[in-house]
């Protein structure tokens, strides 16, 4: 089920697929989804909820998986990927595409007033607390503190356990 607030702006070149599993896709008032954004209900039955006045720029991809909840006044730059789902791969005698998915790590939660810069990857279990900033090229897979700044660095994976 796709619910788009009448005050939201969705580019005619955005591709928002409806779910066959009953997932909801909700876009709040005053939010904007740019050209070439892809929403793909895949890997689970989680909802994609986008709050009010949130801006999603060109080239972003959202797999609904275990769910994505985006708050109000969030800015998401171009070419970010949101993947709240992980393929199972432990059985080397079975093709990966036949093994299903790993248990949920809680989906993705993005609180209000967050900025995610270009080319970021946000994974299952990520929680971006209010007011945090995620630098370009970052990989996030854990909780980021409120009002913190995380600088993208291809040699430093944010949230990666050592």
N, C-alpha and C. Protein backbone atom coordinates (compact mmCIF):
# COMPACT_ATOMS: atom_id res chain seq x y z
N UNK A 1 0.84 -1.17 0.00
CA UNK A 1 0.00 0.00 0.00
C UNK A 1 0.89 1.25 0.00
N UNK A 2 0.68 2.12 -0.93
CA UNK A 2 1.45 3.37 -1.05
C UNK A 2 0.55 4.53 -0.62
N UNK A 3 1.04 5.30 0.38
CA UNK A 3 0.30 6.46 0.87
C UNK A 3 1.20 7.69 0.73
N UNK A 4 0.84 8.58 -0.16
CA UNK A 4 1.63 9.79 -0.38
C UNK A 4 0.78 11.00 0.01
N UNK A 5 1.27 11.78 0.95
CA UNK A 5 0.54 12.96 1.40
C UNK A 5 0.35 13.91 0.21
N UNK A 6 -0.80 14.57 0.11
CA UNK A 6 -1.04 15.49 -1.01
C UNK A 6 -0.01 16.61 -1.14
N UNK A 7 0.66 16.99 -0.04
CA UNK A 7 1.66 18.05 -0.09
C UNK A 7 3.06 17.54 -0.41
N UNK A 8 3.24 16.23 -0.56
CA UNK A 8 4.55 15.67 -0.91
C UNK A 8 4.79 15.84 -2.40
N UNK A 9 6.06 15.92 -2.78
CA UNK A 9 6.43 16.06 -4.19
C UNK A 9 7.24 14.83 -4.60
N UNK A 10 6.73 14.09 -5.55
CA UNK A 10 7.40 12.89 -6.04
C UNK A 10 7.69 13.10 -7.53
N UNK A 11 8.96 13.00 -7.90
CA UNK A 11 9.32 13.15 -9.31
C UNK A 11 8.63 12.07 -10.14
N UNK A 12 8.23 12.44 -11.34
CA UNK A 12 7.63 11.44 -12.22
C UNK A 12 8.64 10.38 -12.65
N UNK A 13 9.93 10.65 -12.40
CA UNK A 13 10.97 9.67 -12.74
C UNK A 13 11.42 8.85 -11.53
N UNK A 14 10.76 9.02 -10.40
CA UNK A 14 11.02 8.15 -9.25
C UNK A 14 10.28 6.83 -9.50
N UNK A 15 10.81 5.73 -9.00
CA UNK A 15 10.21 4.41 -9.19
C UNK A 15 9.88 3.81 -7.83
N UNK A 16 8.62 3.90 -7.44
CA UNK A 16 8.16 3.38 -6.16
C UNK A 16 7.26 2.17 -6.43
N UNK A 17 7.78 0.99 -6.14
CA UNK A 17 7.02 -0.24 -6.37
C UNK A 17 6.09 -0.49 -5.19
N UNK A 18 4.89 -0.95 -5.49
CA UNK A 18 3.96 -1.35 -4.44
C UNK A 18 4.34 -2.75 -3.97
N UNK A 19 4.08 -3.03 -2.71
CA UNK A 19 4.43 -4.32 -2.11
C UNK A 19 3.40 -5.39 -2.44
N UNK A 20 3.88 -6.61 -2.64
CA UNK A 20 2.96 -7.75 -2.78
C UNK A 20 2.82 -8.47 -1.44
N UNK A 21 3.60 -8.08 -0.42
CA UNK A 21 3.56 -8.71 0.90
C UNK A 21 2.81 -7.87 1.93
N UNK A 22 2.27 -6.74 1.53
CA UNK A 22 1.52 -5.92 2.46
C UNK A 22 2.30 -4.82 3.15
N UNK A 23 3.56 -4.62 2.76
CA UNK A 23 4.35 -3.53 3.34
C UNK A 23 3.72 -2.19 2.96
N UNK A 24 3.81 -1.25 3.89
CA UNK A 24 3.31 0.09 3.61
C UNK A 24 4.47 0.98 3.21
N UNK A 25 4.22 1.86 2.26
CA UNK A 25 5.16 2.90 1.87
C UNK A 25 4.42 4.21 2.08
N UNK A 26 4.93 5.02 3.03
CA UNK A 26 4.24 6.23 3.43
C UNK A 26 5.19 7.41 3.26
N UNK A 27 4.73 8.47 2.59
CA UNK A 27 5.51 9.68 2.39
C UNK A 27 4.75 10.84 3.02
N UNK A 28 5.40 11.51 3.98
CA UNK A 28 4.75 12.56 4.75
C UNK A 28 4.64 13.90 4.04
N UNK A 29 3.92 14.81 4.70
CA UNK A 29 3.64 16.14 4.17
C UNK A 29 4.92 16.93 3.92
N UNK A 30 4.98 17.58 2.76
CA UNK A 30 6.10 18.44 2.43
C UNK A 30 7.39 17.71 2.08
N UNK A 31 7.35 16.40 2.05
CA UNK A 31 8.55 15.64 1.68
C UNK A 31 8.73 15.64 0.18
N UNK A 32 9.97 15.41 -0.26
CA UNK A 32 10.31 15.46 -1.67
C UNK A 32 11.16 14.25 -2.05
N UNK A 33 10.77 13.57 -3.10
CA UNK A 33 11.54 12.44 -3.63
C UNK A 33 11.92 12.78 -5.06
N UNK A 34 13.22 12.84 -5.32
CA UNK A 34 13.77 13.31 -6.59
C UNK A 34 13.75 12.21 -7.66
N UNK A 35 14.18 12.57 -8.83
CA UNK A 35 14.28 11.65 -9.97
C UNK A 35 15.20 10.48 -9.66
N UNK A 36 14.89 9.35 -10.23
CA UNK A 36 15.73 8.15 -10.20
C UNK A 36 15.93 7.59 -8.79
N UNK A 37 15.00 7.88 -7.89
CA UNK A 37 14.97 7.20 -6.60
C UNK A 37 14.20 5.91 -6.80
N UNK A 38 14.70 4.82 -6.24
CA UNK A 38 14.06 3.51 -6.37
C UNK A 38 13.63 3.02 -4.99
N UNK A 39 12.37 2.63 -4.87
CA UNK A 39 11.86 1.98 -3.66
C UNK A 39 11.45 0.58 -4.06
N UNK A 40 12.09 -0.41 -3.43
CA UNK A 40 11.89 -1.82 -3.79
C UNK A 40 11.48 -2.61 -2.55
N UNK A 41 10.22 -3.01 -2.45
CA UNK A 41 9.83 -3.90 -1.35
C UNK A 41 10.43 -5.28 -1.59
N UNK A 42 11.51 -5.58 -0.86
CA UNK A 42 12.23 -6.84 -1.07
C UNK A 42 12.90 -7.26 0.23
N UNK A 43 13.00 -8.57 0.43
CA UNK A 43 13.74 -9.12 1.54
C UNK A 43 13.01 -9.15 2.87
N UNK A 44 11.72 -8.90 2.86
CA UNK A 44 10.94 -8.91 4.10
C UNK A 44 9.64 -8.18 3.91
N UNK A 45 8.96 -7.94 5.01
CA UNK A 45 7.66 -7.27 4.92
C UNK A 45 7.63 -5.98 5.73
N UNK A 46 8.81 -5.37 5.92
CA UNK A 46 8.88 -4.12 6.66
C UNK A 46 8.33 -2.95 5.87
N UNK A 47 7.93 -1.92 6.59
CA UNK A 47 7.38 -0.71 5.99
C UNK A 47 8.49 0.31 5.73
N UNK A 48 8.25 1.19 4.78
CA UNK A 48 9.07 2.39 4.57
C UNK A 48 8.20 3.57 4.96
N UNK A 49 8.57 4.22 6.05
CA UNK A 49 7.83 5.38 6.53
C UNK A 49 8.75 6.59 6.44
N UNK A 50 8.34 7.60 5.67
CA UNK A 50 9.11 8.83 5.50
C UNK A 50 8.30 9.95 6.13
N UNK A 51 8.91 10.65 7.08
CA UNK A 51 8.22 11.72 7.80
C UNK A 51 7.98 12.96 6.97
N UNK A 52 7.68 14.04 7.64
CA UNK A 52 7.36 15.31 7.00
C UNK A 52 8.63 16.09 6.65
N UNK A 53 8.57 16.84 5.56
CA UNK A 53 9.64 17.77 5.13
C UNK A 53 10.99 17.08 4.96
N UNK A 54 10.98 15.84 4.57
CA UNK A 54 12.22 15.08 4.32
C UNK A 54 12.53 15.15 2.84
N UNK A 55 13.81 15.32 2.51
CA UNK A 55 14.24 15.43 1.11
C UNK A 55 15.13 14.24 0.77
N UNK A 56 14.77 13.54 -0.31
CA UNK A 56 15.56 12.41 -0.80
C UNK A 56 15.99 12.74 -2.21
N UNK A 57 17.31 12.84 -2.40
CA UNK A 57 17.86 13.27 -3.68
C UNK A 57 18.05 12.12 -4.66
N UNK A 58 18.38 12.46 -5.85
CA UNK A 58 18.47 11.56 -6.99
C UNK A 58 19.36 10.35 -6.74
N UNK A 59 18.94 9.21 -7.26
CA UNK A 59 19.77 8.01 -7.27
C UNK A 59 19.75 7.17 -6.01
N UNK A 60 18.95 7.52 -5.01
CA UNK A 60 18.90 6.72 -3.79
C UNK A 60 18.07 5.46 -4.01
N UNK A 61 18.43 4.39 -3.28
CA UNK A 61 17.73 3.11 -3.37
C UNK A 61 17.31 2.70 -1.97
N UNK A 62 16.05 2.30 -1.82
CA UNK A 62 15.49 1.84 -0.56
C UNK A 62 14.92 0.44 -0.75
N UNK A 63 15.52 -0.57 -0.11
CA UNK A 63 14.93 -1.90 -0.03
C UNK A 63 14.18 -1.94 1.29
N UNK A 64 12.90 -2.31 1.28
CA UNK A 64 12.13 -2.22 2.52
C UNK A 64 12.53 -3.27 3.54
N UNK A 65 12.89 -4.47 3.13
CA UNK A 65 13.40 -5.50 4.03
C UNK A 65 12.70 -5.57 5.36
N UNK A 66 13.45 -5.28 6.44
CA UNK A 66 12.93 -5.32 7.80
C UNK A 66 12.40 -3.97 8.27
N UNK A 67 12.27 -3.04 7.36
CA UNK A 67 11.66 -1.75 7.66
C UNK A 67 12.64 -0.61 7.74
N UNK A 68 12.17 0.54 7.27
CA UNK A 68 12.93 1.79 7.34
C UNK A 68 11.97 2.86 7.85
N UNK A 69 12.36 3.52 8.94
CA UNK A 69 11.57 4.61 9.49
C UNK A 69 12.44 5.86 9.48
N UNK A 70 12.02 6.86 8.70
CA UNK A 70 12.75 8.11 8.54
C UNK A 70 11.91 9.22 9.16
N UNK A 71 12.52 10.00 10.03
CA UNK A 71 11.80 11.05 10.74
C UNK A 71 11.52 12.28 9.89
N UNK A 72 11.25 13.37 10.58
CA UNK A 72 10.94 14.65 9.94
C UNK A 72 12.22 15.46 9.70
N UNK A 73 12.21 16.28 8.66
CA UNK A 73 13.29 17.23 8.38
C UNK A 73 14.64 16.54 8.16
N UNK A 74 14.62 15.41 7.50
CA UNK A 74 15.83 14.65 7.18
C UNK A 74 16.27 15.03 5.76
N UNK A 75 17.58 15.17 5.57
CA UNK A 75 18.14 15.46 4.25
C UNK A 75 19.03 14.29 3.83
N UNK A 76 18.67 13.67 2.70
CA UNK A 76 19.44 12.53 2.18
C UNK A 76 19.97 12.93 0.81
N UNK A 77 21.30 12.97 0.69
CA UNK A 77 21.95 13.38 -0.55
C UNK A 77 21.90 12.25 -1.58
N UNK A 78 22.44 12.50 -2.73
CA UNK A 78 22.34 11.59 -3.88
C UNK A 78 23.07 10.27 -3.66
N UNK A 79 22.52 9.25 -4.30
CA UNK A 79 23.15 7.93 -4.46
C UNK A 79 23.40 7.19 -3.16
N UNK A 80 22.50 7.31 -2.20
CA UNK A 80 22.60 6.54 -0.96
C UNK A 80 21.78 5.26 -1.10
N UNK A 81 22.20 4.22 -0.38
CA UNK A 81 21.51 2.93 -0.42
C UNK A 81 21.11 2.54 1.00
N UNK A 82 19.86 2.13 1.16
CA UNK A 82 19.32 1.72 2.45
C UNK A 82 18.90 0.25 2.33
N UNK A 83 19.57 -0.62 3.08
CA UNK A 83 19.34 -2.06 2.95
C UNK A 83 19.13 -2.69 4.32
N UNK A 84 17.89 -2.68 4.81
CA UNK A 84 17.61 -3.26 6.12
C UNK A 84 17.35 -4.78 6.05
N UNK A 85 18.23 -5.47 5.37
CA UNK A 85 18.08 -6.91 5.18
C UNK A 85 19.44 -7.48 4.80
N UNK A 86 19.68 -8.73 5.16
CA UNK A 86 20.95 -9.38 4.84
C UNK A 86 20.69 -10.79 4.32
N UNK A 87 21.32 -11.14 3.22
CA UNK A 87 21.20 -12.50 2.68
C UNK A 87 21.87 -13.51 3.59
N UNK A 88 21.28 -14.70 3.70
CA UNK A 88 21.94 -15.82 4.37
C UNK A 88 22.96 -16.40 3.38
N UNK A 89 24.07 -16.91 3.91
CA UNK A 89 25.12 -17.40 3.02
C UNK A 89 25.95 -18.52 3.65
N UNK A 90 25.55 -19.03 4.81
CA UNK A 90 26.38 -19.97 5.56
C UNK A 90 26.54 -21.35 4.91
N UNK A 91 25.52 -21.79 4.16
CA UNK A 91 25.56 -23.13 3.58
C UNK A 91 26.27 -23.08 2.23
N UNK A 92 27.52 -23.54 2.21
CA UNK A 92 28.30 -23.46 0.97
C UNK A 92 27.81 -24.44 -0.09
N UNK A 93 26.91 -25.35 0.25
CA UNK A 93 26.35 -26.30 -0.71
C UNK A 93 25.06 -25.81 -1.35
N UNK A 94 24.61 -24.64 -0.94
CA UNK A 94 23.39 -24.05 -1.48
C UNK A 94 23.70 -22.67 -2.03
N UNK A 95 23.18 -22.38 -3.23
CA UNK A 95 23.41 -21.05 -3.80
C UNK A 95 22.86 -19.97 -2.86
N UNK A 96 23.56 -18.87 -2.77
CA UNK A 96 23.15 -17.78 -1.88
C UNK A 96 21.73 -17.33 -2.18
N UNK A 97 21.37 -17.25 -3.45
CA UNK A 97 20.02 -16.77 -3.77
C UNK A 97 18.93 -17.77 -3.40
N UNK A 98 19.31 -18.94 -2.90
CA UNK A 98 18.35 -19.95 -2.45
C UNK A 98 18.32 -20.08 -0.92
N UNK A 99 19.15 -19.30 -0.20
CA UNK A 99 19.26 -19.46 1.25
C UNK A 99 18.37 -18.52 2.06
N UNK A 100 17.67 -17.62 1.42
CA UNK A 100 16.80 -16.71 2.17
C UNK A 100 17.59 -15.59 2.83
N UNK A 101 17.07 -15.15 3.97
CA UNK A 101 17.64 -13.98 4.63
C UNK A 101 17.96 -14.27 6.08
N UNK A 102 18.92 -13.52 6.62
CA UNK A 102 19.27 -13.62 8.03
C UNK A 102 18.19 -12.96 8.89
N UNK A 103 18.13 -13.29 10.18
CA UNK A 103 17.16 -12.64 11.06
C UNK A 103 17.38 -11.13 11.10
N UNK A 104 16.31 -10.41 11.35
CA UNK A 104 16.36 -8.95 11.39
C UNK A 104 17.25 -8.44 12.52
N UNK A 105 17.95 -7.35 12.23
CA UNK A 105 18.71 -6.63 13.26
C UNK A 105 17.94 -5.37 13.67
N UNK A 106 16.66 -5.31 13.32
CA UNK A 106 15.82 -4.19 13.74
C UNK A 106 15.47 -3.19 12.67
N UNK A 107 15.86 -3.44 11.44
CA UNK A 107 15.58 -2.49 10.38
C UNK A 107 16.48 -1.26 10.50
N UNK A 108 16.04 -0.17 9.89
CA UNK A 108 16.79 1.10 9.92
C UNK A 108 15.90 2.16 10.53
N UNK A 109 16.45 2.91 11.49
CA UNK A 109 15.71 4.01 12.12
C UNK A 109 16.54 5.28 11.96
N UNK A 110 15.93 6.29 11.37
CA UNK A 110 16.57 7.60 11.21
C UNK A 110 15.67 8.61 11.89
N UNK A 111 16.17 9.22 12.95
CA UNK A 111 15.36 10.17 13.70
C UNK A 111 15.32 11.53 12.99
N UNK A 112 14.68 12.51 13.60
CA UNK A 112 14.49 13.83 13.01
C UNK A 112 15.81 14.58 12.84
N UNK A 113 15.83 15.49 11.85
CA UNK A 113 16.90 16.47 11.67
C UNK A 113 18.26 15.82 11.43
N UNK A 114 18.29 14.79 10.59
CA UNK A 114 19.53 14.08 10.26
C UNK A 114 19.94 14.45 8.84
N UNK A 115 21.25 14.57 8.60
CA UNK A 115 21.77 14.78 7.25
C UNK A 115 22.64 13.59 6.90
N UNK A 116 22.31 12.94 5.79
CA UNK A 116 23.11 11.84 5.25
C UNK A 116 23.67 12.34 3.92
N UNK A 117 25.01 12.48 3.86
CA UNK A 117 25.66 13.01 2.67
C UNK A 117 25.70 11.95 1.56
N UNK A 118 26.21 12.31 0.41
CA UNK A 118 26.17 11.48 -0.79
C UNK A 118 26.92 10.15 -0.63
N UNK A 119 26.40 9.15 -1.34
CA UNK A 119 27.05 7.84 -1.50
C UNK A 119 27.22 7.06 -0.20
N UNK A 120 26.29 7.19 0.72
CA UNK A 120 26.33 6.42 1.96
C UNK A 120 25.56 5.12 1.81
N UNK A 121 25.93 4.14 2.61
CA UNK A 121 25.21 2.87 2.68
C UNK A 121 24.77 2.69 4.12
N UNK A 122 23.46 2.52 4.32
CA UNK A 122 22.88 2.36 5.65
C UNK A 122 22.30 0.95 5.71
N UNK A 123 22.76 0.15 6.69
CA UNK A 123 22.41 -1.27 6.75
C UNK A 123 21.47 -1.61 7.91
N UNK A 124 20.94 -2.81 7.87
CA UNK A 124 20.04 -3.33 8.89
C UNK A 124 20.66 -3.17 10.27
N UNK A 125 19.90 -2.63 11.20
CA UNK A 125 20.38 -2.40 12.56
C UNK A 125 20.89 -1.00 12.80
N UNK A 126 20.97 -0.18 11.77
CA UNK A 126 21.44 1.20 11.93
C UNK A 126 20.37 2.05 12.60
N UNK A 127 20.82 2.86 13.56
CA UNK A 127 19.95 3.85 14.21
C UNK A 127 20.70 5.16 14.17
N UNK A 128 20.16 6.12 13.46
CA UNK A 128 20.77 7.45 13.35
C UNK A 128 19.96 8.39 14.22
N UNK A 129 20.52 8.74 15.37
CA UNK A 129 19.81 9.56 16.34
C UNK A 129 19.69 11.01 15.87
N UNK A 130 18.78 11.71 16.47
CA UNK A 130 18.42 13.08 16.12
C UNK A 130 19.65 13.97 15.92
N UNK A 131 19.63 14.71 14.80
CA UNK A 131 20.63 15.73 14.55
C UNK A 131 22.00 15.24 14.12
N UNK A 132 22.19 13.93 13.92
CA UNK A 132 23.53 13.49 13.53
C UNK A 132 23.77 13.76 12.05
N UNK A 133 25.05 13.83 11.70
CA UNK A 133 25.49 14.07 10.33
C UNK A 133 26.37 12.90 9.92
N UNK A 134 26.08 12.33 8.75
CA UNK A 134 26.86 11.21 8.23
C UNK A 134 27.57 11.69 6.98
N UNK A 135 28.90 11.67 7.01
CA UNK A 135 29.71 12.18 5.91
C UNK A 135 29.63 11.32 4.67
N UNK A 136 29.96 11.91 3.56
CA UNK A 136 29.89 11.24 2.25
C UNK A 136 30.70 9.95 2.25
N UNK A 137 30.14 8.92 1.63
CA UNK A 137 30.83 7.66 1.45
C UNK A 137 30.86 6.77 2.68
N UNK A 138 30.08 7.07 3.70
CA UNK A 138 30.09 6.27 4.92
C UNK A 138 29.24 5.01 4.81
N UNK A 139 29.64 4.01 5.58
CA UNK A 139 28.87 2.78 5.77
C UNK A 139 28.42 2.77 7.22
N UNK A 140 27.12 2.67 7.46
CA UNK A 140 26.59 2.70 8.83
C UNK A 140 25.80 1.43 9.09
N UNK A 141 26.15 0.75 10.20
CA UNK A 141 25.44 -0.48 10.55
C UNK A 141 25.18 -0.60 12.04
N UNK A 142 25.29 0.51 12.77
CA UNK A 142 25.02 0.51 14.21
C UNK A 142 24.40 1.84 14.60
N UNK A 143 24.25 2.06 15.90
CA UNK A 143 23.66 3.29 16.40
C UNK A 143 24.67 4.43 16.39
N UNK A 144 24.25 5.59 15.90
CA UNK A 144 25.06 6.81 15.92
C UNK A 144 24.40 7.77 16.90
N UNK A 145 25.19 8.38 17.75
CA UNK A 145 24.69 9.25 18.80
C UNK A 145 24.05 10.52 18.24
N UNK A 146 23.13 11.08 19.02
CA UNK A 146 22.47 12.33 18.64
C UNK A 146 23.49 13.45 18.50
N UNK A 147 23.31 14.29 17.52
CA UNK A 147 24.12 15.47 17.26
C UNK A 147 25.61 15.17 17.09
N UNK A 148 25.92 13.97 16.64
CA UNK A 148 27.31 13.61 16.38
C UNK A 148 27.60 13.74 14.89
N UNK A 149 28.88 13.85 14.56
CA UNK A 149 29.31 13.98 13.17
C UNK A 149 30.20 12.79 12.84
N UNK A 150 29.91 12.13 11.73
CA UNK A 150 30.67 10.96 11.31
C UNK A 150 31.22 11.22 9.92
N UNK A 151 32.52 11.31 9.83
CA UNK A 151 33.17 11.66 8.57
C UNK A 151 33.39 10.40 7.76
N UNK A 152 32.95 10.45 6.50
CA UNK A 152 33.15 9.31 5.61
C UNK A 152 34.61 9.11 5.31
N UNK A 153 35.04 7.88 5.33
CA UNK A 153 36.44 7.54 5.04
C UNK A 153 36.44 6.10 4.54
N UNK A 154 36.86 5.86 3.31
CA UNK A 154 36.79 4.49 2.79
C UNK A 154 37.63 3.50 3.57
N UNK A 155 38.55 3.98 4.40
CA UNK A 155 39.38 3.07 5.19
C UNK A 155 38.81 2.85 6.60
N UNK A 156 37.81 3.64 6.98
CA UNK A 156 37.21 3.52 8.31
C UNK A 156 35.72 3.27 8.13
N UNK A 157 35.26 2.09 8.49
CA UNK A 157 33.87 1.74 8.35
C UNK A 157 33.14 2.07 9.63
N UNK A 158 32.23 3.02 9.58
CA UNK A 158 31.50 3.45 10.76
C UNK A 158 30.64 2.30 11.24
N UNK A 159 30.81 1.94 12.50
CA UNK A 159 30.01 0.88 13.09
C UNK A 159 30.58 -0.50 12.88
N UNK A 160 31.70 -0.62 12.20
CA UNK A 160 32.29 -1.92 11.95
C UNK A 160 33.04 -2.38 13.18
N UNK A 161 32.72 -3.54 13.69
CA UNK A 161 33.37 -4.05 14.90
C UNK A 161 34.74 -4.59 14.57
N UNK A 162 35.69 -4.26 15.41
CA UNK A 162 37.07 -4.70 15.20
C UNK A 162 37.28 -6.07 15.81
